[in-house]
C-alpha cells in the first residue's frame, strides 16, 4: 500500500519545512513495514509539496505512527497536511491476473 500526503507551504517557509520533512521520513523509515519514501514539489504549483511512502500494508503504516519518537518528529508535521484521504491500496491487488 502507499500513502500520499500533500502540504501547502509558502515558498519562503519551504527550507525549514523540508528539514522537518526529512527528519520525519528518517524516523518513519526505521519503523517495521516501511518500504520507501519520496518527496516532491508540484511542477505547476510550487507551494504544493508531497510526501509519498510505501508500506508493506495498512497495519504497518498505522502502527508506525504510534512510537514516541514518531509522535515527536513526524506527527506534528503530518498534522499540517491538507485534509484529505492519504492511504491507497495498489490497484494491482484488485486487477484480474492475466
Protein backbone atom coordinates (compact mmCIF):
# COMPACT_ATOMS: atom_id res chain seq x y z
CA UNK A 1 0.00 0.00 0.00
CA UNK A 2 1.12 3.56 -0.41
CA UNK A 3 0.45 6.90 1.23
CA UNK A 4 0.32 10.30 -0.45
CA UNK A 5 0.34 13.28 1.89
CA UNK A 6 0.20 16.79 0.48
CA UNK A 7 1.17 20.04 2.15
CA UNK A 8 0.62 23.67 1.20
CA UNK A 9 3.76 25.58 2.24
CA UNK A 10 4.71 29.12 1.26
CA UNK A 11 7.95 29.17 -0.70
CA UNK A 12 9.62 31.35 1.95
CA UNK A 13 8.96 28.64 4.58
CA UNK A 14 9.93 25.62 2.50
CA UNK A 15 13.59 25.33 3.54
CA UNK A 16 12.63 24.90 7.21
CA UNK A 17 9.69 22.67 6.33
CA UNK A 18 11.80 20.38 4.13
CA UNK A 19 14.27 19.93 7.00
CA UNK A 20 11.41 18.83 9.25
CA UNK A 21 10.07 16.60 6.48
CA UNK A 22 13.44 14.87 6.10
CA UNK A 23 13.59 14.24 9.84
CA UNK A 24 10.06 12.79 9.81
CA UNK A 25 10.90 10.47 6.91
CA UNK A 26 14.09 9.33 8.63
CA UNK A 27 12.19 8.40 11.79
CA UNK A 28 9.38 6.72 9.86
CA UNK A 29 11.89 4.77 7.75
CA UNK A 30 13.06 2.96 10.90
CA UNK A 31 9.58 1.57 11.55
CA UNK A 32 8.67 -2.02 10.75
CA UNK A 33 6.92 -2.38 7.39
CA UNK A 34 8.42 0.74 5.80
CA UNK A 35 9.45 0.18 2.17
CA UNK A 36 10.30 3.55 0.59
CA UNK A 37 9.58 7.27 0.57
CA UNK A 38 9.96 10.18 -1.78
CA UNK A 39 9.19 13.86 -1.54
CA UNK A 40 8.46 16.41 -4.22
CA UNK A 41 7.19 19.80 -5.23
CA UNK A 42 4.32 20.22 -7.68
CA UNK A 43 5.55 21.37 -11.10
CA UNK A 44 2.61 23.74 -11.60
CA UNK A 45 2.07 24.97 -8.03
CA UNK A 46 5.39 25.47 -6.18
CA UNK A 47 3.65 25.86 -2.82
CA UNK A 48 2.27 22.31 -3.04
CA UNK A 49 4.65 19.68 -1.60
CA UNK A 50 4.04 15.95 -1.36
CA UNK A 51 5.33 13.02 0.65
CA UNK A 52 4.75 9.58 -0.83
CA UNK A 53 5.54 6.48 1.21
CA UNK A 54 5.22 2.79 0.53
CA UNK A 55 4.41 0.34 3.33
CA UNK A 56 4.01 -3.43 3.47
CA UNK A 57 0.35 -3.00 4.50
CA UNK A 58 -2.03 -0.53 6.11
CA UNK A 59 -1.47 -2.02 9.56
CA UNK A 60 2.27 -1.40 9.44
CA UNK A 61 1.67 2.22 8.40
CA UNK A 62 -0.82 2.83 11.19
CA UNK A 63 1.39 1.13 13.79
CA UNK A 64 4.35 3.21 12.59
CA UNK A 65 2.58 6.36 13.76
CA UNK A 66 2.44 5.18 17.39
CA UNK A 67 6.04 5.13 18.71
CA UNK A 68 7.08 8.05 20.88
CA UNK A 69 9.88 9.17 18.55
CA UNK A 70 7.41 9.29 15.63
CA UNK A 71 4.93 11.29 17.67
CA UNK A 72 7.69 13.82 18.37
CA UNK A 73 9.27 14.06 14.92
CA UNK A 74 6.57 13.16 12.41
CA UNK A 75 3.06 13.56 13.79
CA UNK A 76 3.27 17.38 14.29
CA UNK A 77 4.41 17.74 10.69
CA UNK A 78 1.79 15.33 9.36
CA UNK A 79 -0.90 17.31 11.17
CA UNK A 80 -0.11 20.20 8.81
CA UNK A 81 -1.16 18.13 5.79
CA UNK A 82 -4.05 19.00 3.54
CA UNK A 83 -7.14 17.32 4.99
CA UNK A 84 -7.83 14.52 2.51
CA UNK A 85 -7.61 10.72 2.40
CA UNK A 86 -3.99 9.60 2.20
CA UNK A 87 -3.80 5.77 2.19
CA UNK A 88 -4.17 3.82 -1.06
CA UNK A 89 -4.19 0.13 -1.92
CA UNK A 90 -2.33 -0.85 -5.09
CA UNK A 91 -4.76 -1.45 -7.94
CA UNK A 92 -2.61 -4.42 -8.98
CA UNK A 93 -4.03 -6.30 -5.99
CA UNK A 94 -7.55 -5.92 -7.39
CA UNK A 95 -6.84 -6.49 -11.10
CA UNK A 96 -7.52 -9.94 -12.54
CA UNK A 97 -4.31 -11.84 -13.21
CA UNK A 98 -3.57 -12.40 -16.87
